[in-house]
Protein backbone atom coordinates (compact mmCIF):
# COMPACT_ATOMS: atom_id res chain seq x y z
CA MET A 1 -32.73 -5.54 4.91
CA SER A 2 -31.22 -2.37 3.47
CA GLN A 3 -30.09 -2.12 -0.13
CA PRO A 4 -26.30 -1.88 -0.51
CA ALA A 5 -25.06 0.87 -2.83
CA TYR A 6 -22.30 -1.14 -4.49
CA CYS A 7 -20.54 -4.50 -4.70
CA PRO A 8 -18.06 -4.90 -1.81
CA LYS A 9 -15.60 -6.75 -4.06
CA CYS A 10 -15.40 -4.68 -7.26
CA LYS A 11 -17.28 -1.51 -6.13
CA SER A 12 -19.67 -1.75 -9.10
CA GLU A 13 -23.05 -0.06 -8.72
CA ASP A 14 -24.64 -2.56 -11.13
CA ILE A 15 -25.99 -5.07 -8.56
CA TYR A 16 -29.30 -6.88 -8.13
CA HIS A 17 -31.22 -8.73 -5.43
CA ASP A 18 -32.00 -12.46 -5.72
CA GLY A 19 -33.76 -13.99 -2.73
CA ILE A 20 -31.65 -13.19 0.33
CA LEU A 21 -28.46 -12.53 -1.66
CA TRP A 22 -27.18 -9.55 -3.62
CA ILE A 23 -25.35 -10.40 -6.84
CA CYS A 24 -22.86 -8.45 -8.92
CA PRO A 25 -23.00 -9.51 -12.59
CA LEU A 26 -19.59 -7.97 -13.34
CA CYS A 27 -17.45 -9.95 -10.89
CA THR A 28 -20.05 -12.68 -10.07
CA HIS A 29 -19.72 -11.94 -6.34
CA GLU A 30 -22.70 -12.96 -4.19
CA TRP A 31 -23.21 -11.73 -0.63
CA ASN A 32 -25.75 -11.27 2.12
CA PRO A 33 -25.42 -7.76 3.61
CA ASP A 34 -26.87 -8.99 6.94
CA ASP A 35 -24.21 -11.73 7.30
CA LYS A 36 -21.10 -10.40 9.10
CA ALA A 37 -18.86 -13.34 8.02
CA THR A 38 -19.68 -12.69 4.35
CA ALA A 39 -18.78 -9.00 4.69
CA GLU A 40 -15.43 -9.89 6.25
CA SER A 41 -14.59 -12.51 3.63
CA SER A 42 -15.40 -10.11 0.80
CA GLY A 43 -12.68 -7.76 1.98
CA GLU A 44 -14.67 -4.93 3.54
CA ASN A 45 -13.00 -5.17 6.94
CA MET A 46 -9.89 -7.04 5.82
CA ASP A 47 -6.60 -6.02 7.41
CA GLN A 48 -4.29 -4.66 4.69
CA SER A 49 -1.09 -4.81 6.76
CA VAL A 50 2.04 -6.55 5.48
CA ARG A 51 3.17 -9.44 7.69
CA ASP A 52 6.43 -11.37 7.82
CA ALA A 53 6.82 -15.17 7.88
CA ASN A 54 6.05 -15.26 11.63
CA GLY A 55 2.98 -13.03 11.36
CA ALA A 56 4.52 -9.85 12.78
CA VAL A 57 3.28 -6.64 11.17
CA LEU A 58 5.92 -4.85 9.11
CA ALA A 59 6.20 -1.08 8.67
CA ASP A 60 8.34 1.29 6.63
CA GLY A 61 11.82 1.65 8.13
CA ASP A 62 11.86 -1.75 9.89
CA SER A 63 14.82 -4.10 9.78
CA VAL A 64 14.29 -7.68 8.61
CA THR A 65 16.33 -10.87 8.32
CA VAL A 66 16.20 -13.13 5.25
CA LEU A 67 15.02 -16.67 6.09
CA LYS A 68 15.83 -18.45 2.84
CA GLU A 69 18.64 -18.26 0.30
CA LEU A 70 17.21 -16.09 -2.48
CA LYS A 71 18.61 -16.33 -5.98
CA ILE A 72 18.64 -13.08 -7.89
CA LYS A 73 17.29 -13.34 -11.40
CA GLY A 74 19.88 -12.35 -13.99
CA ALA A 75 22.80 -12.34 -11.55
CA SER A 76 25.31 -14.93 -10.46
CA SER A 77 25.03 -13.98 -6.78
CA SER A 78 22.34 -14.73 -4.24
CA ILE A 79 21.17 -13.37 -0.89
CA LYS A 80 22.30 -15.66 1.92
CA VAL A 81 20.21 -16.87 4.85
CA GLY A 82 20.53 -14.51 7.82
CA THR A 83 21.26 -11.39 5.78
CA LYS A 84 19.99 -8.39 7.74
CA VAL A 85 18.22 -5.75 5.69
CA LYS A 86 17.72 -2.31 7.23
CA ASN A 87 15.23 0.42 6.40
CA ILE A 88 12.73 -1.49 4.26
CA ARG A 89 10.01 0.26 2.29
CA LEU A 90 6.57 -1.29 1.78
CA VAL A 91 4.99 -0.97 -1.66
CA GLU A 92 1.94 -2.26 -3.51
CA PRO A 93 2.66 -5.91 -4.37
CA SER A 94 3.85 -6.62 -7.89
CA ASP A 95 4.07 -10.39 -8.43
CA GLY A 96 3.92 -10.79 -4.65
CA HIS A 97 7.01 -8.64 -4.01
CA ASN A 98 5.82 -6.09 -1.45
CA ILE A 99 9.13 -4.95 0.10
CA VAL A 100 11.73 -2.73 -1.55
CA CYS A 101 15.14 -2.54 0.10
CA LYS A 102 18.80 -1.91 -0.55
CA ILE A 103 21.34 -4.65 0.25
CA ASP A 104 25.07 -3.93 0.39
CA GLY A 105 26.86 -5.55 -2.52
CA VAL A 106 23.62 -6.28 -4.37
CA GLY A 107 21.74 -3.00 -4.72
CA THR A 108 18.04 -2.22 -4.65
CA ILE A 109 15.78 -5.28 -4.87
CA HIS A 110 12.18 -6.32 -4.25
CA LEU A 111 11.44 -9.05 -1.69
CA LYS A 112 8.39 -11.05 -0.68
CA SER A 113 7.40 -10.62 2.95
CA GLU A 114 6.97 -14.40 3.36
CA PHE A 115 10.75 -14.88 3.13
CA VAL A 116 11.74 -12.39 5.84
CA ARG A 117 11.45 -12.12 9.61
CA LYS A 118 11.27 -8.88 11.59
CA ALA A 119 14.61 -8.27 13.30
């Protein structure tokens, strides 16, 4: 068994060995470096792509369709089901909102990918 250099979850170098497991005292993550399933569940090989409600991978510039009526906070209007949004931009999620787009009549808004379908 080789000694890992850092915690796969928080990237801390302050780790120690206990039996067959390695433990990070900072994030309390425990893992076995020889176990492939543990490495995948800790996020080492995790796919970071953004997916829509059907599981299709989204990319910058794609067009999507809204699947649910979305109320806009602080406004009296809402986005209707079936609204087509063109030229989306993917961003780091803030409160789960990982799509930025511009909708005619509404303006620039943030959407969650779970409420859209690739068009």
